[in-house]
Amino acid sequence: MIYENLRFLESHNNFEIRIADIIGIIYNRYFNKNELSSEFNLLSKIGIINDHHIELILNDFDEEKTFKEFIS
């Protein structure tokens, strides 16, 4: 049933999937292993993680605007 209703994509061909994978790894390690707290805090600060929920809208993503204070 799952395979009939879902389409799985290769992450090396889809930039959006790689971003979601990385955010998922940071989220998992922060809550389950007490690791990557600075990375989690950065995601929280730029608004990707709010109240422990991930919200990432890739079609409205401007990296210069989002990361301007972090780019030197």
Foldseek 3Di string as FASTA:
>chain_A
DVVVPDDDDDCVVPVVVVVVVVVVVCLCCCPPVVPNPVVVVLCVVLPQADPNDGDDDVVPDDCCVSCVVVDD
